[in-house]
Protein backbone atom coordinates (compact mmCIF):
# COMPACT_ATOMS: atom_id res chain seq x y z
CA MET A 1 -61.55 44.82 -7.47
CA SER A 2 -60.61 43.49 -4.09
CA THR A 3 -57.49 41.31 -3.58
CA SER A 4 -59.42 38.36 -2.73
CA ARG A 5 -61.27 38.50 -5.94
CA ALA A 6 -58.19 39.38 -8.11
CA LEU A 7 -55.84 36.59 -6.86
CA PRO A 8 -57.74 33.58 -8.25
CA SER A 9 -57.64 35.18 -11.72
CA VAL A 10 -53.94 35.95 -11.39
CA ARG A 11 -53.24 32.30 -10.48
CA ARG A 12 -55.36 31.00 -13.37
CA VAL A 13 -53.63 33.26 -15.84
CA LEU A 14 -50.19 32.40 -14.47
CA VAL A 15 -50.86 28.73 -14.88
CA ALA A 16 -52.26 29.16 -18.45
CA GLY A 17 -49.37 31.41 -19.41
CA SER A 18 -46.83 28.98 -18.04
CA LEU A 19 -48.25 26.11 -19.97
CA VAL A 20 -47.78 28.04 -23.18
CA ALA A 21 -44.43 29.50 -22.24
CA ALA A 22 -43.10 26.06 -21.23
CA ILE A 23 -43.71 24.47 -24.61
CA VAL A 24 -42.83 27.46 -26.76
CA LEU A 25 -39.47 28.02 -24.95
CA ALA A 26 -38.55 24.19 -25.07
CA ALA A 27 -39.46 24.05 -28.68
CA ILE A 28 -37.30 27.09 -29.67
CA GLY A 29 -34.52 25.81 -27.60
CA MET A 30 -34.60 22.42 -29.25
CA LEU A 31 -34.64 24.02 -32.69
CA LEU A 32 -31.67 26.11 -31.89
CA GLN A 33 -29.51 23.05 -30.77
CA PRO A 34 -27.14 21.69 -33.29
CA GLU A 35 -28.08 18.26 -34.69
CA PHE A 36 -26.27 15.52 -32.82
CA PRO A 37 -23.70 13.89 -35.17
CA ALA A 38 -23.31 10.20 -35.86
CA ASP A 39 -19.84 10.26 -34.16
CA PRO A 40 -20.27 11.54 -30.49
CA ASN A 41 -16.71 12.64 -30.38
CA GLU A 42 -17.51 15.22 -33.09
CA TYR A 43 -20.21 16.85 -30.81
CA VAL A 44 -17.80 18.83 -28.72
CA GLU A 45 -16.39 20.72 -31.62
CA LEU A 46 -19.79 21.14 -33.20
CA LEU A 47 -21.17 22.46 -29.92
CA ALA A 48 -18.40 24.93 -29.61
CA GLY A 49 -18.94 26.27 -33.10
CA SER A 50 -22.66 26.75 -32.81
CA ALA A 51 -23.70 30.41 -32.14
CA SER A 52 -27.21 29.23 -31.10
CA ALA A 53 -26.36 26.51 -28.78
CA ALA A 54 -25.92 28.66 -25.71
CA ILE A 55 -29.26 30.48 -26.41
CA GLY A 56 -31.03 27.14 -26.89
CA LEU A 57 -29.77 25.80 -23.59
CA GLN A 58 -30.75 29.02 -21.84
CA LEU A 59 -34.33 28.80 -23.24
CA PHE A 60 -34.59 25.06 -22.28
CA LEU A 61 -33.54 25.80 -18.76
CA TRP A 62 -35.99 28.66 -18.40
CA SER A 63 -38.78 26.54 -19.79
CA GLN A 64 -38.48 24.13 -16.80
CA VAL A 65 -39.55 26.82 -14.46
CA PHE A 66 -42.74 27.42 -16.41
CA TRP A 67 -43.13 23.61 -16.99
CA ALA A 68 -43.24 23.11 -13.23
CA ILE A 69 -45.71 25.87 -12.69
CA GLY A 70 -47.93 24.99 -15.60
CA LEU A 71 -48.23 21.27 -15.06
CA VAL A 72 -48.58 21.44 -11.23
CA GLY A 73 -51.27 24.07 -11.86
CA LEU A 74 -53.02 22.01 -14.42
CA ALA A 75 -52.89 19.11 -11.96
CA HIS A 76 -54.43 21.24 -9.34
CA ALA A 77 -57.31 22.16 -11.66
CA THR A 78 -58.29 18.51 -11.70
CA SER A 79 -57.76 17.71 -8.04
CA HIS A 80 -61.32 18.25 -6.87
CA ARG A 81 -62.42 15.24 -8.83
CA THR A 82 -59.19 13.20 -9.11
CA PRO A 83 -57.17 14.07 -6.04
CA VAL A 84 -54.76 11.02 -6.06
CA LEU A 85 -53.96 11.28 -9.85
CA ALA A 86 -53.64 15.09 -9.55
CA THR A 87 -51.16 14.90 -6.60
CA LEU A 88 -49.08 12.14 -8.18
CA GLY A 89 -48.96 14.02 -11.56
CA ALA A 90 -47.96 17.25 -9.90
CA ALA A 91 -45.21 15.51 -7.97
CA CYS A 92 -43.83 13.62 -10.97
CA SER A 93 -44.00 16.85 -13.10
CA GLY A 94 -42.16 18.88 -10.45
CA LEU A 95 -39.53 16.09 -10.27
CA GLY A 96 -39.17 16.09 -14.05
CA ALA A 97 -38.61 19.84 -14.24
CA PHE A 98 -35.93 19.61 -11.49
CA GLY A 99 -34.13 16.79 -13.14
CA HIS A 100 -34.12 18.47 -16.56
CA ALA A 101 -33.05 21.78 -14.95
CA ALA A 102 -29.98 19.97 -13.32
CA TYR A 103 -29.10 18.17 -16.51
CA GLY A 104 -29.52 21.32 -18.48
CA GLY A 105 -26.96 23.06 -16.13
CA ALA A 106 -24.62 20.14 -16.89
CA SER A 107 -25.10 20.88 -20.53
CA LEU A 108 -24.07 24.46 -19.96
CA VAL A 109 -20.85 23.28 -18.37
CA THR A 110 -20.27 21.10 -21.34
CA LEU A 111 -20.76 24.16 -23.63
CA GLY A 112 -18.14 26.05 -21.78
CA MET A 113 -15.70 23.14 -21.84
CA ALA A 114 -16.19 22.68 -25.43
CA ARG A 115 -15.41 26.30 -26.13
CA TYR A 116 -12.37 26.22 -23.92
CA ALA A 117 -11.24 23.05 -25.66
CA VAL A 118 -11.39 24.61 -29.10
CA ASP A 119 -9.46 27.58 -27.95
CA SER A 120 -6.86 25.55 -26.13
CA GLY A 121 -6.63 22.63 -28.48
CA ASP A 122 -7.50 20.11 -25.79
CA LEU A 123 -10.31 18.38 -27.40
CA GLU A 124 -9.79 15.06 -25.50
CA GLY A 125 -10.36 16.81 -22.30
CA ALA A 126 -13.61 18.33 -23.46
CA GLN A 127 -14.75 15.07 -24.85
CA ALA A 128 -14.12 13.39 -21.51
CA ALA A 129 -16.07 16.08 -19.70
CA PHE A 130 -18.98 15.63 -22.22
CA GLY A 131 -18.88 11.91 -21.58
CA ALA A 132 -19.01 12.55 -17.75
CA THR A 133 -22.14 14.61 -18.14
CA GLN A 134 -23.96 11.79 -19.91
CA GLY A 135 -23.64 9.43 -16.99
CA GLY A 136 -22.14 8.89 -13.63
CA ASP A 137 -23.18 11.64 -11.20
CA PHE A 138 -25.51 13.13 -13.68
CA ALA A 139 -27.35 9.95 -14.41
CA PRO A 140 -30.00 10.28 -11.49
CA TYR A 141 -30.89 13.75 -12.83
CA LEU A 142 -31.30 12.62 -16.32
CA LEU A 143 -33.48 9.80 -15.34
CA ALA A 144 -35.47 12.07 -12.92
CA GLY A 145 -35.97 14.54 -15.71
CA LEU A 146 -37.03 11.91 -18.29
CA GLY A 147 -39.14 9.57 -16.05
CA GLY A 148 -40.74 12.44 -14.04
CA THR A 149 -41.82 14.20 -17.26
CA VAL A 150 -43.16 11.17 -19.00
CA ILE A 151 -45.00 9.84 -15.87
CA GLY A 152 -46.10 13.30 -14.82
CA VAL A 153 -47.66 14.18 -18.22
CA ILE A 154 -49.44 10.83 -18.44
CA LEU A 155 -50.96 11.05 -15.02
CA VAL A 156 -52.09 14.65 -15.59
CA ALA A 157 -53.66 13.73 -18.91
CA VAL A 158 -55.54 10.79 -17.32
CA ALA A 159 -56.58 13.25 -14.62
CA LEU A 160 -57.86 15.49 -17.23
CA LEU A 161 -59.89 12.68 -18.91
CA ARG A 162 -61.54 11.60 -15.66
CA SER A 163 -62.25 15.14 -14.38
CA ALA A 164 -63.43 16.69 -17.66
CA VAL A 165 -61.73 19.95 -16.85
CA ALA A 166 -60.45 20.24 -20.41
CA PRO A 167 -61.94 18.92 -23.74
CA ARG A 168 -61.05 15.25 -24.19
CA TRP A 169 -58.79 16.01 -27.20
CA VAL A 170 -56.42 18.04 -25.04
CA ALA A 171 -55.72 14.89 -22.83
CA ILE A 172 -55.34 12.76 -26.01
CA ALA A 173 -52.97 15.22 -27.50
CA LEU A 174 -50.88 15.19 -24.41
CA LEU A 175 -50.67 11.43 -24.41
CA ALA A 176 -49.84 11.54 -28.14
CA TRP A 177 -47.04 14.01 -27.49
CA VAL A 178 -45.49 11.74 -24.95
CA VAL A 179 -45.37 8.93 -27.44
CA ILE A 180 -44.03 10.99 -30.26
CA GLU A 181 -41.43 12.87 -28.14
CA PHE A 182 -40.19 9.92 -25.90
CA VAL A 183 -41.10 6.59 -27.44
CA LEU A 184 -40.91 6.97 -31.32
CA PRO A 185 -37.29 8.11 -31.45
CA ASN A 186 -36.32 4.73 -29.97
CA PHE A 187 -37.67 2.97 -33.07
CA LEU A 188 -37.72 5.51 -35.88
CA ALA A 189 -35.21 8.23 -37.02
CA GLY A 190 -35.77 11.51 -38.96
CA ALA A 191 -36.35 15.17 -38.48
CA TRP A 192 -39.98 14.71 -39.02
CA ILE A 193 -40.31 13.20 -35.43
CA THR A 194 -38.89 16.29 -33.95
CA TYR A 195 -41.19 18.66 -35.91
CA THR A 196 -44.23 16.56 -35.32
CA SER A 197 -43.49 16.50 -31.53
CA LEU A 198 -43.21 20.17 -31.47
CA VAL A 199 -46.53 20.79 -33.37
CA VAL A 200 -48.44 18.31 -31.23
CA GLY A 201 -46.93 19.71 -28.04
CA VAL A 202 -47.79 23.27 -28.94
CA VAL A 203 -51.30 22.41 -29.73
CA ALA A 204 -51.79 20.23 -26.50
CA PHE A 205 -50.35 22.64 -24.20
CA THR A 206 -52.10 25.66 -25.81
CA GLY A 207 -55.40 23.72 -25.63
CA ALA A 208 -54.74 23.00 -21.93
CA ALA A 209 -53.98 26.72 -21.36
CA VAL A 210 -57.35 27.74 -22.97
CA ALA A 211 -59.11 25.25 -20.91
CA VAL A 212 -57.70 26.70 -17.73
CA LEU A 213 -58.75 30.17 -18.71
CA ARG A 214 -62.24 29.10 -19.60
CA GLY A 215 -62.63 27.03 -16.41
CA GLY A 216 -63.51 29.92 -14.04
CA SER A 217 -61.84 30.87 -10.80
CA ARG A 218 -63.44 28.27 -8.50
CA ALA A 219 -60.46 25.93 -8.61
CA TRP A 220 -58.02 28.91 -7.91
CA THR A 221 -59.88 30.26 -4.94
CA THR A 222 -58.84 29.43 -1.44
CA MET A 223 -61.36 28.83 1.39
CA LEU A 224 -60.13 31.95 3.11
CA GLU A 225 -60.80 34.03 0.04
CA ALA A 226 -64.10 32.35 -0.61
CA GLY A 227 -65.26 33.49 2.87
CA SER A 228 -63.57 36.85 2.76
CA PRO A 229 -65.45 39.95 4.34
CA GLU A 230 -65.54 41.43 0.81
CA ARG A 231 -67.56 38.53 -0.56
CA ASP A 232 -69.73 38.38 2.59
CA ALA A 233 -70.59 41.99 2.38
CA ALA A 234 -71.52 41.72 -1.30
CA ALA A 235 -73.69 38.63 -0.66
CA PRO A 236 -77.43 38.85 0.14
CA VAL A 237 -78.34 39.21 3.76
CA GLY A 238 -79.67 35.70 4.16
CA ALA A 239 -76.88 34.07 2.23
CA ALA A 240 -74.46 33.62 5.14
CA THR A 241 -76.94 31.69 7.29
CA THR A 242 -78.50 29.60 4.45
CA PRO A 243 -77.49 25.79 4.83
C-alpha cells in the first residue's frame, strides 16, 4: 500500500484511538484519586498518604494529550458540513486540554509538597501551597481547562448533530456527559454522579470513535494525497480529464 493511501487510515485510527484513550485514562485517573474530605485542611495529609494519587494524576495528565488529538480530530471530521462549529469546537477543546494539563502539573507539585510536609512535619506550609494552586496564578488555567472543555464538547456535539457524521445518540450522549460531569455536582452530591459520568463518558467517546472508524478515509485525505501519482496511475484513463 502506498504512503498516500496509508496516511488517511493512520490519521483516522489515531483519532479514534485517542478518543477512547482520553476517556479511559481520565476515568481511571479519577477513580484512583482519594475522595476530597469535608475539611480541605485534611486533604494534604490524605493526599500524601495515598499510594494511588500520583498514578491517578499522571494518567489524568496523559489523558489530555489524547483529549486534544481526539476532539480536534472529531471536530475535523465534521468540518466539511459545519466548518464554523468545527473550528470553534476544536479551538475550545485544545484550550481545555492545555488548561487541564497546566492545572494537573500544579496538582503534581501539590502532591510533592504534601509528601514533604508529612515527612518534615510542616503541614501548614503544604496547606498554604495547596491553597495557592486552587487560585491566584493558577486560576486562569483552571478556568481555561473547565470552560474550554465544556464549550468544546458542546460545540463538537452540535457539529455532530448537524453533520450526521456519527449516529445522533453519540452527540446526545456527549451532551449528557457534560451535564452529568460539570453541572449536576453543583446541585447534587454522591458517588453515583461520578460513576454515572464515567459510564456515560465511556459510551459517548467510544461511540464517537466507532463512528470515526466507520466513516471512511475521505475526511482524512489531503488534496495532495487525493491527487497523488499513485491514485492517478490507478484511475481509468479518462478519469483525470472527466469534469
